[in-house]
């Protein structure tokens, strides 16, 4: 393969990697935004613990969709459209629950526990998004981490299904969050990087023959 062919291949791969990062990063950023809206609703007393739990169930479904879509290392236009439709439905559900007649008590122990758990979701999703944007996470690694986020959100949904989050329930959620946090760190700091991102630091054309 001559130098021009190598350069063309490198540019094409980098562009593909950039398109992936932009697309997947925007989907994960949407997760961050939705989780922040849930947390804000709890803090403002617009959401009860039970409402937040149901919304976390919706987030779990979206995370699972993202996991399934990315586990083969690709995100097709059809998969992206289905995820966006689910995110749009979730956005409407958050709005409706924050503006209905049901109120929560943000100072209650139950709401405080749910707020802390949702805040952790915001942080974890933001860390994943940062890993996608920098190339520290491959597509399959992102899929696995979104699966982990789905498990955490599902446990939050179960914990608050009766409208109350107890100390023991929060402890179980926090255990899953700690496991997920360690996985995010490990996958962001292992030897794997997205191919397109790796090319950004590759030697220039003049050094390809060396």
Foldseek 3Di string as FASTA:
>chain_A
DDLVVVVVVLVVLLVVLQVQLVLVLVLLVLLLVLLVLLLVLLQVQLAFLQLSLVLLLLLLVLLLLLLVQLQVQDHDPVSSVVSVVSSVVSVVSSVDSSPDPHTYDSPDPQSVLLSVLSVLLSVLSVLLSVLSNLQLAGSNLSSVLSNLSSVLSNLSSVQCNVRGHDPVSSVVSVVSSVVSVVSSVPSSPDPDGRSSNVSVPDDDSVPPVD
